[in-house]
PDB file of all heavy atoms in Angstrom:
ATOM      1  N   THR A   1       0.818  -1.227   0.000  1.00  0.00           N
ATOM      2  CA  THR A   1       0.000   0.000   0.000  1.00  0.00           C
ATOM      3  C   THR A   1       0.844   1.266   0.000  1.00  0.00           C
ATOM      4  O   THR A   1       0.323   2.353  -0.277  1.00  0.00           O
ATOM      5  CB  THR A   1      -0.920   0.023   1.238  1.00  0.00           C
ATOM      6  OG1 THR A   1      -0.113  -0.119   2.427  1.00  0.00           O
ATOM      7  CG2 THR A   1      -1.924  -1.120   1.184  1.00  0.00           C
ATOM      8  N   ASP A   2       2.130   1.164   0.292  1.00  0.00           N
ATOM      9  CA  ASP A   2       2.990   2.349   0.315  1.00  0.00           C
ATOM     10  C   ASP A   2       3.301   2.779  -1.119  1.00  0.00           C
ATOM     11  O   ASP A   2       3.853   1.990  -1.907  1.00  0.00           O
ATOM     12  CB  ASP A   2       4.293   2.047   1.054  1.00  0.00           C
ATOM     13  CG  ASP A   2       5.202   3.257   1.106  1.00  0.00           C
ATOM     14  OD1 ASP A   2       4.836   4.235   1.758  1.00  0.00           O
ATOM     15  OD2 ASP A   2       6.284   3.216   0.467  1.00  0.00           O
ATOM     16  N   PRO A   3       2.970   4.019  -1.502  1.00  0.00           N
ATOM     17  CA  PRO A   3       3.191   4.471  -2.887  1.00  0.00           C
ATOM     18  C   PRO A   3       4.645   4.393  -3.325  1.00  0.00           C
ATOM     19  O   PRO A   3       4.938   4.041  -4.476  1.00  0.00           O
ATOM     20  CB  PRO A   3       2.692   5.921  -2.881  1.00  0.00           C
ATOM     21  CG  PRO A   3       1.754   6.000  -1.728  1.00  0.00           C
ATOM     22  CD  PRO A   3       2.294   5.055  -0.700  1.00  0.00           C
ATOM     23  N   SER A   4       5.569   4.695  -2.421  1.00  0.00           N
ATOM     24  CA  SER A   4       6.986   4.665  -2.776  1.00  0.00           C
ATOM     25  C   SER A   4       7.422   3.251  -3.140  1.00  0.00           C
ATOM     26  O   SER A   4       8.120   3.045  -4.143  1.00  0.00           O
ATOM     27  CB  SER A   4       7.822   5.185  -1.602  1.00  0.00           C
ATOM     28  OG  SER A   4       9.199   5.046  -1.866  1.00  0.00           O
ATOM     29  N   ILE A   5       7.000   2.273  -2.362  1.00  0.00           N
ATOM     30  CA  ILE A   5       7.356   0.875  -2.640  1.00  0.00           C
ATOM     31  C   ILE A   5       6.699   0.421  -3.933  1.00  0.00           C
ATOM     32  O   ILE A   5       7.313  -0.279  -4.749  1.00  0.00           O
ATOM     33  CB  ILE A   5       6.944  -0.023  -1.465  1.00  0.00           C
ATOM     34  CG1 ILE A   5       7.841   0.279  -0.251  1.00  0.00           C
ATOM     35  CG2 ILE A   5       7.009  -1.504  -1.834  1.00  0.00           C
ATOM     36  CD1 ILE A   5       7.437  -0.430   1.024  1.00  0.00           C
ATOM     37  N   GLN A   6       5.467   0.830  -4.131  1.00  0.00           N
ATOM     38  CA  GLN A   6       4.747   0.419  -5.338  1.00  0.00           C
ATOM     39  C   GLN A   6       5.404   0.991  -6.598  1.00  0.00           C
ATOM     40  O   GLN A   6       5.594   0.286  -7.592  1.00  0.00           O
ATOM     41  CB  GLN A   6       3.288   0.885  -5.238  1.00  0.00           C
ATOM     42  CG  GLN A   6       2.316   0.006  -5.982  1.00  0.00           C
ATOM     43  CD  GLN A   6       0.880   0.297  -5.601  1.00  0.00           C
ATOM     44  OE1 GLN A   6       0.500   1.455  -5.419  1.00  0.00           O
ATOM     45  NE2 GLN A   6       0.078  -0.738  -5.499  1.00  0.00           N
ATOM     46  N   VAL A   7       5.761   2.268  -6.561  1.00  0.00           N
ATOM     47  CA  VAL A   7       6.410   2.908  -7.707  1.00  0.00           C
ATOM     48  C   VAL A   7       7.732   2.212  -8.026  1.00  0.00           C
ATOM     49  O   VAL A   7       8.020   1.886  -9.187  1.00  0.00           O
ATOM     50  CB  VAL A   7       6.648   4.412  -7.442  1.00  0.00           C
ATOM     51  CG1 VAL A   7       7.559   5.010  -8.506  1.00  0.00           C
ATOM     52  CG2 VAL A   7       5.332   5.161  -7.423  1.00  0.00           C
ATOM     53  N   ASP A   8       8.545   1.972  -6.992  1.00  0.00           N
ATOM     54  CA  ASP A   8       9.834   1.320  -7.223  1.00  0.00           C
ATOM     55  C   ASP A   8       9.659  -0.081  -7.788  1.00  0.00           C
ATOM     56  O   ASP A   8      10.420  -0.518  -8.670  1.00  0.00           O
ATOM     57  CB  ASP A   8      10.623   1.255  -5.912  1.00  0.00           C
ATOM     58  CG  ASP A   8      11.326   2.571  -5.595  1.00  0.00           C
ATOM     59  OD1 ASP A   8      11.151   3.533  -6.365  1.00  0.00           O
ATOM     60  OD2 ASP A   8      12.047   2.638  -4.581  1.00  0.00           O
ATOM     61  N   THR A   9       8.658  -0.798  -7.294  1.00  0.00           N
ATOM     62  CA  THR A   9       8.408  -2.159  -7.787  1.00  0.00           C
ATOM     63  C   THR A   9       8.073  -2.151  -9.274  1.00  0.00           C
ATOM     64  O   THR A   9       8.584  -2.967 -10.061  1.00  0.00           O
ATOM     65  CB  THR A   9       7.254  -2.808  -7.006  1.00  0.00           C
ATOM     66  OG1 THR A   9       7.585  -2.847  -5.614  1.00  0.00           O
ATOM     67  CG2 THR A   9       6.979  -4.219  -7.493  1.00  0.00           C
ATOM     68  N   VAL A  10       7.228  -1.221  -9.684  1.00  0.00           N
ATOM     69  CA  VAL A  10       6.825  -1.170 -11.089  1.00  0.00           C
ATOM     70  C   VAL A  10       7.992  -0.730 -11.962  1.00  0.00           C
ATOM     71  O   VAL A  10       8.161  -1.209 -13.084  1.00  0.00           O
ATOM     72  CB  VAL A  10       5.592  -0.258 -11.273  1.00  0.00           C
ATOM     73  CG1 VAL A  10       5.162  -0.220 -12.732  1.00  0.00           C
ATOM     74  CG2 VAL A  10       4.428  -0.759 -10.425  1.00  0.00           C
ATOM     75  N   TRP A  11       8.829   0.179 -11.455  1.00  0.00           N
ATOM     76  CA  TRP A  11      10.026   0.548 -12.227  1.00  0.00           C
ATOM     77  C   TRP A  11      10.925  -0.668 -12.413  1.00  0.00           C
ATOM     78  O   TRP A  11      11.529  -0.859 -13.490  1.00  0.00           O
ATOM     79  CB  TRP A  11      10.805   1.659 -11.528  1.00  0.00           C
ATOM     80  CG  TRP A  11      10.312   3.038 -11.828  1.00  0.00           C
ATOM     81  CD1 TRP A  11       9.899   3.972 -10.925  1.00  0.00           C
ATOM     82  CD2 TRP A  11      10.175   3.651 -13.120  1.00  0.00           C
ATOM     83  NE1 TRP A  11       9.503   5.120 -11.580  1.00  0.00           N
ATOM     84  CE2 TRP A  11       9.669   4.959 -12.923  1.00  0.00           C
ATOM     85  CE3 TRP A  11      10.419   3.222 -14.419  1.00  0.00           C
ATOM     86  CZ2 TRP A  11       9.402   5.826 -13.978  1.00  0.00           C
ATOM     87  CZ3 TRP A  11      10.156   4.084 -15.473  1.00  0.00           C
ATOM     88  CH2 TRP A  11       9.666   5.371 -15.239  1.00  0.00           C
ATOM     89  N   ALA A  12      11.048  -1.495 -11.379  1.00  0.00           N
ATOM     90  CA  ALA A  12      11.862  -2.701 -11.505  1.00  0.00           C
ATOM     91  C   ALA A  12      11.346  -3.571 -12.652  1.00  0.00           C
ATOM     92  O   ALA A  12      12.131  -4.094 -13.461  1.00  0.00           O
ATOM     93  CB  ALA A  12      11.857  -3.490 -10.193  1.00  0.00           C
ATOM     94  N   LEU A  13      10.031  -3.709 -12.748  1.00  0.00           N
ATOM     95  CA  LEU A  13       9.439  -4.497 -13.830  1.00  0.00           C
ATOM     96  C   LEU A  13       9.691  -3.847 -15.187  1.00  0.00           C
ATOM     97  O   LEU A  13       9.915  -4.537 -16.190  1.00  0.00           O
ATOM     98  CB  LEU A  13       7.937  -4.655 -13.594  1.00  0.00           C
ATOM     99  CG  LEU A  13       7.558  -5.529 -12.396  1.00  0.00           C
ATOM    100  CD1 LEU A  13       6.068  -5.399 -12.091  1.00  0.00           C
ATOM    101  CD2 LEU A  13       7.922  -6.989 -12.653  1.00  0.00           C
ATOM    102  N   SER A  14       9.687  -2.530 -15.220  1.00  0.00           N
ATOM    103  CA  SER A  14       9.947  -1.846 -16.497  1.00  0.00           C
ATOM    104  C   SER A  14      11.373  -2.079 -16.949  1.00  0.00           C
ATOM    105  O   SER A  14      11.643  -2.210 -18.147  1.00  0.00           O
ATOM    106  CB  SER A  14       9.655  -0.340 -16.367  1.00  0.00           C
ATOM    107  OG  SER A  14      10.710   0.337 -15.710  1.00  0.00           O
ATOM    108  N   TYR A  15      12.318  -2.146 -16.009  1.00  0.00           N
ATOM    109  CA  TYR A  15      13.708  -2.415 -16.390  1.00  0.00           C
ATOM    110  C   TYR A  15      13.867  -3.846 -16.889  1.00  0.00           C
ATOM    111  O   TYR A  15      14.579  -4.097 -17.865  1.00  0.00           O
ATOM    112  CB  TYR A  15      14.643  -2.167 -15.201  1.00  0.00           C
ATOM    113  CG  TYR A  15      14.647  -0.735 -14.723  1.00  0.00           C
ATOM    114  CD1 TYR A  15      14.617  -0.429 -13.371  1.00  0.00           C
ATOM    115  CD2 TYR A  15      14.656   0.318 -15.632  1.00  0.00           C
ATOM    116  CE1 TYR A  15      14.609   0.882 -12.927  1.00  0.00           C
ATOM    117  CE2 TYR A  15      14.644   1.634 -15.199  1.00  0.00           C
ATOM    118  CZ  TYR A  15      14.620   1.912 -13.842  1.00  0.00           C
ATOM    119  OH  TYR A  15      14.599   3.211 -13.417  1.00  0.00           O
ATOM    120  N   LEU A  16      13.209  -4.778 -16.224  1.00  0.00           N
ATOM    121  CA  LEU A  16      13.316  -6.180 -16.635  1.00  0.00           C
ATOM    122  C   LEU A  16      12.720  -6.401 -18.021  1.00  0.00           C
ATOM    123  O   LEU A  16      13.265  -7.157 -18.827  1.00  0.00           O
ATOM    124  CB  LEU A  16      12.615  -7.087 -15.619  1.00  0.00           C
ATOM    125  CG  LEU A  16      13.259  -7.194 -14.239  1.00  0.00           C
ATOM    126  CD1 LEU A  16      12.447  -8.124 -13.348  1.00  0.00           C
ATOM    127  CD2 LEU A  16      14.701  -7.685 -14.332  1.00  0.00           C
ATOM    128  N   THR A  17      11.611  -5.741 -18.305  1.00  0.00           N
ATOM    129  CA  THR A  17      10.952  -5.930 -19.603  1.00  0.00           C
ATOM    130  C   THR A  17      11.652  -5.175 -20.722  1.00  0.00           C
ATOM    131  O   THR A  17      11.277  -5.311 -21.888  1.00  0.00           O
ATOM    132  CB  THR A  17       9.482  -5.481 -19.546  1.00  0.00           C
ATOM    133  OG1 THR A  17       9.405  -4.147 -19.010  1.00  0.00           O
ATOM    134  CG2 THR A  17       8.661  -6.423 -18.680  1.00  0.00           C
ATOM    135  N   ASP A  18      12.664  -4.394 -20.375  1.00  0.00           N
ATOM    136  CA  ASP A  18      13.444  -3.692 -21.397  1.00  0.00           C
ATOM    137  C   ASP A  18      14.681  -4.496 -21.784  1.00  0.00           C
ATOM    138  O   ASP A  18      15.593  -3.965 -22.392  1.00  0.00           O
ATOM    139  CB  ASP A  18      13.854  -2.307 -20.875  1.00  0.00           C
ATOM    140  CG  ASP A  18      14.285  -1.365 -21.988  1.00  0.00           C
ATOM    141  OD1 ASP A  18      13.895  -1.593 -23.149  1.00  0.00           O
ATOM    142  OD2 ASP A  18      15.019  -0.409 -21.706  1.00  0.00           O
ATOM    143  N   GLY A  19      14.690  -5.778 -21.422  1.00  0.00           N
ATOM    144  CA  GLY A  19      15.873  -6.598 -21.666  1.00  0.00           C
ATOM    145  C   GLY A  19      15.718  -7.617 -22.769  1.00  0.00           C
ATOM    146  O   GLY A  19      16.530  -8.534 -22.872  1.00  0.00           O
ATOM    147  N   GLY A  20      14.658  -7.520 -23.592  1.00  0.00           N
ATOM    148  CA  GLY A  20      14.483  -8.448 -24.703  1.00  0.00           C
ATOM    149  C   GLY A  20      13.369  -9.446 -24.457  1.00  0.00           C
ATOM    150  O   GLY A  20      12.795  -9.527 -23.367  1.00  0.00           O
ATOM    151  N   GLU A  21      13.050 -10.218 -25.495  1.00  0.00           N
ATOM    152  CA  GLU A  21      11.890 -11.103 -25.458  1.00  0.00           C
ATOM    153  C   GLU A  21      12.013 -12.197 -24.401  1.00  0.00           C
ATOM    154  O   GLU A  21      11.013 -12.612 -23.801  1.00  0.00           O
ATOM    155  CB  GLU A  21      11.675 -11.719 -26.842  1.00  0.00           C
ATOM    156  CG  GLU A  21      11.196 -10.697 -27.875  1.00  0.00           C
ATOM    157  CD  GLU A  21      11.089 -11.282 -29.279  1.00  0.00           C
ATOM    158  OE1 GLU A  21      11.254 -12.522 -29.413  1.00  0.00           O
ATOM    159  OE2 GLU A  21      10.839 -10.513 -30.217  1.00  0.00           O
ATOM    160  N   LYS A  22      13.219 -12.695 -24.147  1.00  0.00           N
ATOM    161  CA  LYS A  22      13.383 -13.743 -23.129  1.00  0.00           C
ATOM    162  C   LYS A  22      13.030 -13.224 -21.748  1.00  0.00           C
ATOM    163  O   LYS A  22      12.353 -13.900 -20.961  1.00  0.00           O
ATOM    164  CB  LYS A  22      14.816 -14.280 -23.157  1.00  0.00           C
ATOM    165  CG  LYS A  22      15.138 -15.103 -24.396  1.00  0.00           C
ATOM    166  CD  LYS A  22      16.545 -15.664 -24.335  1.00  0.00           C
ATOM    167  CE  LYS A  22      16.850 -16.502 -25.580  1.00  0.00           C
ATOM    168  NZ  LYS A  22      18.244 -17.043 -25.546  1.00  0.00           N
ATOM    169  N   ASN A  23      13.486 -12.017 -21.442  1.00  0.00           N
ATOM    170  CA  ASN A  23      13.163 -11.433 -20.142  1.00  0.00           C
ATOM    171  C   ASN A  23      11.685 -11.073 -20.050  1.00  0.00           C
ATOM    172  O   ASN A  23      11.071 -11.203 -18.990  1.00  0.00           O
ATOM    173  CB  ASN A  23      14.031 -10.196 -19.879  1.00  0.00           C
ATOM    174  CG  ASN A  23      15.462 -10.562 -19.535  1.00  0.00           C
ATOM    175  OD1 ASN A  23      15.809 -11.739 -19.474  1.00  0.00           O
ATOM    176  ND2 ASN A  23      16.288  -9.565 -19.325  1.00  0.00           N
ATOM    177  N   ILE A  24      11.127 -10.595 -21.163  1.00  0.00           N
ATOM    178  CA  ILE A  24       9.691 -10.311 -21.186  1.00  0.00           C
ATOM    179  C   ILE A  24       8.907 -11.578 -20.852  1.00  0.00           C
ATOM    180  O   ILE A  24       7.952 -11.547 -20.071  1.00  0.00           O
ATOM    181  CB  ILE A  24       9.269  -9.764 -22.570  1.00  0.00           C
ATOM    182  CG1 ILE A  24       9.805  -8.339 -22.763  1.00  0.00           C
ATOM    183  CG2 ILE A  24       7.748  -9.779 -22.727  1.00  0.00           C
ATOM    184  CD1 ILE A  24       9.581  -7.783 -24.165  1.00  0.00           C
ATOM    185  N   GLN A  25       9.337 -12.699 -21.411  1.00  0.00           N
ATOM    186  CA  GLN A  25       8.621 -13.952 -21.158  1.00  0.00           C
ATOM    187  C   GLN A  25       8.736 -14.379 -19.699  1.00  0.00           C
ATOM    188  O   GLN A  25       7.780 -14.921 -19.125  1.00  0.00           O
ATOM    189  CB  GLN A  25       9.153 -15.052 -22.078  1.00  0.00           C
ATOM    190  CG  GLN A  25       8.268 -16.290 -22.117  1.00  0.00           C
ATOM    191  CD  GLN A  25       6.855 -15.961 -22.598  1.00  0.00           C
ATOM    192  OE1 GLN A  25       6.670 -15.258 -23.588  1.00  0.00           O
ATOM    193  NE2 GLN A  25       5.853 -16.473 -21.886  1.00  0.00           N
ATOM    194  N   LEU A  26       9.891 -14.142 -19.081  1.00  0.00           N
ATOM    195  CA  LEU A  26      10.043 -14.456 -17.662  1.00  0.00           C
ATOM    196  C   LEU A  26       9.049 -13.658 -16.827  1.00  0.00           C
ATOM    197  O   LEU A  26       8.445 -14.180 -15.885  1.00  0.00           O
ATOM    198  CB  LEU A  26      11.470 -14.150 -17.204  1.00  0.00           C
ATOM    199  CG  LEU A  26      12.566 -15.115 -17.672  1.00  0.00           C
ATOM    200  CD1 LEU A  26      13.940 -14.563 -17.297  1.00  0.00           C
ATOM    201  CD2 LEU A  26      12.370 -16.487 -17.038  1.00  0.00           C
ATOM    202  N   VAL A  27       8.882 -12.384 -17.174  1.00  0.00           N
ATOM    203  CA  VAL A  27       7.922 -11.537 -16.457  1.00  0.00           C
ATOM    204  C   VAL A  27       6.498 -12.033 -16.690  1.00  0.00           C
ATOM    205  O   VAL A  27       5.697 -12.133 -15.750  1.00  0.00           O
ATOM    206  CB  VAL A  27       8.064 -10.061 -16.902  1.00  0.00           C
ATOM    207  CG1 VAL A  27       6.949  -9.209 -16.316  1.00  0.00           C
ATOM    208  CG2 VAL A  27       9.427  -9.512 -16.474  1.00  0.00           C
ATOM    209  N   ILE A  28       6.175 -12.382 -17.921  1.00  0.00           N
ATOM    210  CA  ILE A  28       4.834 -12.896 -18.233  1.00  0.00           C
ATOM    211  C   ILE A  28       4.569 -14.194 -17.469  1.00  0.00           C
ATOM    212  O   ILE A  28       3.500 -14.385 -16.884  1.00  0.00           O
ATOM    213  CB  ILE A  28       4.685 -13.119 -19.749  1.00  0.00           C
ATOM    214  CG1 ILE A  28       4.610 -11.771 -20.463  1.00  0.00           C
ATOM    215  CG2 ILE A  28       3.451 -13.960 -20.069  1.00  0.00           C
ATOM    216  CD1 ILE A  28       4.625 -11.865 -21.979  1.00  0.00           C
ATOM    217  N   ASP A  29       5.553 -15.083 -17.439  1.00  0.00           N
ATOM    218  CA  ASP A  29       5.388 -16.377 -16.774  1.00  0.00           C
ATOM    219  C   ASP A  29       5.199 -16.240 -15.262  1.00  0.00           C
ATOM    220  O   ASP A  29       4.700 -17.167 -14.609  1.00  0.00           O
ATOM    221  CB  ASP A  29       6.587 -17.285 -17.061  1.00  0.00           C
ATOM    222  CG  ASP A  29       6.636 -17.723 -18.522  1.00  0.00           C
ATOM    223  OD1 ASP A  29       5.603 -17.609 -19.215  1.00  0.00           O
ATOM    224  OD2 ASP A  29       7.729 -18.145 -18.977  1.00  0.00           O
ATOM    225  N   SER A  30       5.598 -15.106 -14.715  1.00  0.00           N
ATOM    226  CA  SER A  30       5.422 -14.891 -13.271  1.00  0.00           C
ATOM    227  C   SER A  30       3.996 -14.486 -12.907  1.00  0.00           C
ATOM    228  O   SER A  30       3.680 -14.315 -11.724  1.00  0.00           O
ATOM    229  CB  SER A  30       6.391 -13.807 -12.784  1.00  0.00           C
ATOM    230  OG  SER A  30       5.951 -12.519 -13.195  1.00  0.00           O
ATOM    231  N   ASP A  31       3.136 -14.307 -13.925  1.00  0.00           N
ATOM    232  CA  ASP A  31       1.724 -13.934 -13.717  1.00  0.00           C
ATOM    233  C   ASP A  31       1.560 -12.549 -13.080  1.00  0.00           C
ATOM    234  O   ASP A  31       0.564 -12.284 -12.410  1.00  0.00           O
ATOM    235  CB  ASP A  31       0.992 -14.982 -12.858  1.00  0.00           C
ATOM    236  CG  ASP A  31       0.882 -16.318 -13.565  1.00  0.00           C
ATOM    237  OD1 ASP A  31       0.756 -16.332 -14.801  1.00  0.00           O
ATOM    238  OD2 ASP A  31       0.939 -17.357 -12.879  1.00  0.00           O
ATOM    239  N   ILE A  32       2.518 -11.673 -13.321  1.00  0.00           N
ATOM    240  CA  ILE A  32       2.439 -10.339 -12.723  1.00  0.00           C
ATOM    241  C   ILE A  32       1.769  -9.329 -13.650  1.00  0.00           C
ATOM    242  O   ILE A  32       1.380  -8.238 -13.208  1.00  0.00           O
ATOM    243  CB  ILE A  32       3.848  -9.852 -12.314  1.00  0.00           C
ATOM    244  CG1 ILE A  32       3.756  -8.818 -11.183  1.00  0.00           C
ATOM    245  CG2 ILE A  32       4.615  -9.290 -13.512  1.00  0.00           C
ATOM    246  CD1 ILE A  32       5.091  -8.486 -10.560  1.00  0.00           C
ATOM    247  N   VAL A  33       1.610  -9.675 -14.944  1.00  0.00           N
ATOM    248  CA  VAL A  33       1.054  -8.713 -15.902  1.00  0.00           C
ATOM    249  C   VAL A  33      -0.376  -8.328 -15.521  1.00  0.00           C
ATOM    250  O   VAL A  33      -0.771  -7.165 -15.640  1.00  0.00           O
ATOM    251  CB  VAL A  33       1.103  -9.272 -17.339  1.00  0.00           C
ATOM    252  CG1 VAL A  33       0.467  -8.286 -18.323  1.00  0.00           C
ATOM    253  CG2 VAL A  33       2.546  -9.546 -17.751  1.00  0.00           C
ATOM    254  N   ALA A  34      -1.141  -9.289 -15.041  1.00  0.00           N
ATOM    255  CA  ALA A  34      -2.526  -9.006 -14.644  1.00  0.00           C
ATOM    256  C   ALA A  34      -2.594  -8.023 -13.480  1.00  0.00           C
ATOM    257  O   ALA A  34      -3.604  -7.333 -13.300  1.00  0.00           O
ATOM    258  CB  ALA A  34      -3.247 -10.301 -14.272  1.00  0.00           C
ATOM    259  N   LYS A  35      -1.545  -7.945 -12.687  1.00  0.00           N
ATOM    260  CA  LYS A  35      -1.486  -6.975 -11.582  1.00  0.00           C
ATOM    261  C   LYS A  35      -0.932  -5.635 -12.065  1.00  0.00           C
ATOM    262  O   LYS A  35      -1.224  -4.592 -11.486  1.00  0.00           O
ATOM    263  CB  LYS A  35      -0.601  -7.531 -10.462  1.00  0.00           C
ATOM    264  CG  LYS A  35      -1.047  -8.876  -9.932  1.00  0.00           C
ATOM    265  CD  LYS A  35       0.014  -9.499  -9.039  1.00  0.00           C
ATOM    266  CE  LYS A  35      -0.362 -10.928  -8.661  1.00  0.00           C
ATOM    267  NZ  LYS A  35       0.704 -11.596  -7.886  1.00  0.00           N
ATOM    268  N   LEU A  36      -0.148  -5.697 -13.124  1.00  0.00           N
ATOM    269  CA  LEU A  36       0.503  -4.501 -13.644  1.00  0.00           C
ATOM    270  C   LEU A  36      -0.457  -3.631 -14.454  1.00  0.00           C
ATOM    271  O   LEU A  36      -0.470  -2.399 -14.310  1.00  0.00           O
ATOM    272  CB  LEU A  36       1.679  -4.930 -14.516  1.00  0.00           C
ATOM    273  CG  LEU A  36       2.653  -3.890 -15.036  1.00  0.00           C
ATOM    274  CD1 LEU A  36       3.311  -3.158 -13.879  1.00  0.00           C
ATOM    275  CD2 LEU A  36       3.715  -4.574 -15.908  1.00  0.00           C
ATOM    276  N   VAL A  37      -1.284  -4.251 -15.292  1.00  0.00           N
ATOM    277  CA  VAL A  37      -2.158  -3.503 -16.203  1.00  0.00           C
ATOM    278  C   VAL A  37      -3.132  -2.582 -15.463  1.00  0.00           C
ATOM    279  O   VAL A  37      -3.307  -1.423 -15.868  1.00  0.00           O
ATOM    280  CB  VAL A  37      -2.904  -4.472 -17.149  1.00  0.00           C
ATOM    281  CG1 VAL A  37      -4.025  -3.746 -17.883  1.00  0.00           C
ATOM    282  CG2 VAL A  37      -1.922  -5.079 -18.145  1.00  0.00           C
ATOM    283  N   PRO A  38      -3.788  -3.013 -14.363  1.00  0.00           N
ATOM    284  CA  PRO A  38      -4.693  -2.087 -13.666  1.00  0.00           C
ATOM    285  C   PRO A  38      -4.021  -0.818 -13.156  1.00  0.00           C
ATOM    286  O   PRO A  38      -4.682   0.201 -12.945  1.00  0.00           O
ATOM    287  CB  PRO A  38      -5.215  -2.935 -12.492  1.00  0.00           C
ATOM    288  CG  PRO A  38      -5.103  -4.346 -12.971  1.00  0.00           C
ATOM    289  CD  PRO A  38      -3.865  -4.375 -13.803  1.00  0.00           C
ATOM    290  N   MET A  39      -2.698  -0.858 -12.997  1.00  0.00           N
ATOM    291  CA  MET A  39      -1.984   0.321 -12.515  1.00  0.00           C
ATOM    292  C   MET A  39      -1.909   1.425 -13.560  1.00  0.00           C
ATOM    293  O   MET A  39      -1.502   2.545 -13.256  1.00  0.00           O
ATOM    294  CB  MET A  39      -0.582  -0.073 -12.055  1.00  0.00           C
ATOM    295  CG  MET A  39      -0.611  -0.930 -10.819  1.00  0.00           C
ATOM    296  SD  MET A  39       1.024  -1.293 -10.192  1.00  0.00           S
ATOM    297  CE  MET A  39       0.602  -1.978  -8.593  1.00  0.00           C
ATOM    298  N   LEU A  40      -2.303   1.115 -14.795  1.00  0.00           N
ATOM    299  CA  LEU A  40      -2.402   2.162 -15.812  1.00  0.00           C
ATOM    300  C   LEU A  40      -3.454   3.196 -15.441  1.00  0.00           C
ATOM    301  O   LEU A  40      -3.428   4.329 -15.929  1.00  0.00           O
ATOM    302  CB  LEU A  40      -2.745   1.546 -17.170  1.00  0.00           C
ATOM    303  CG  LEU A  40      -1.702   0.609 -17.794  1.00  0.00           C
ATOM    304  CD1 LEU A  40      -2.264  -0.049 -19.040  1.00  0.00           C
ATOM    305  CD2 LEU A  40      -0.413   1.363 -18.116  1.00  0.00           C
TER     306      LEU A  40
END
């Protein structure tokens, strides 16, 4: 619930997904995308 922790967490995901298709797939396989999209 802490905004600072939440912002940093999402930035971490943005860095990981900027590493190519293999890393993108690792993020997808973790089932975190469904939690990420509502944050838009």
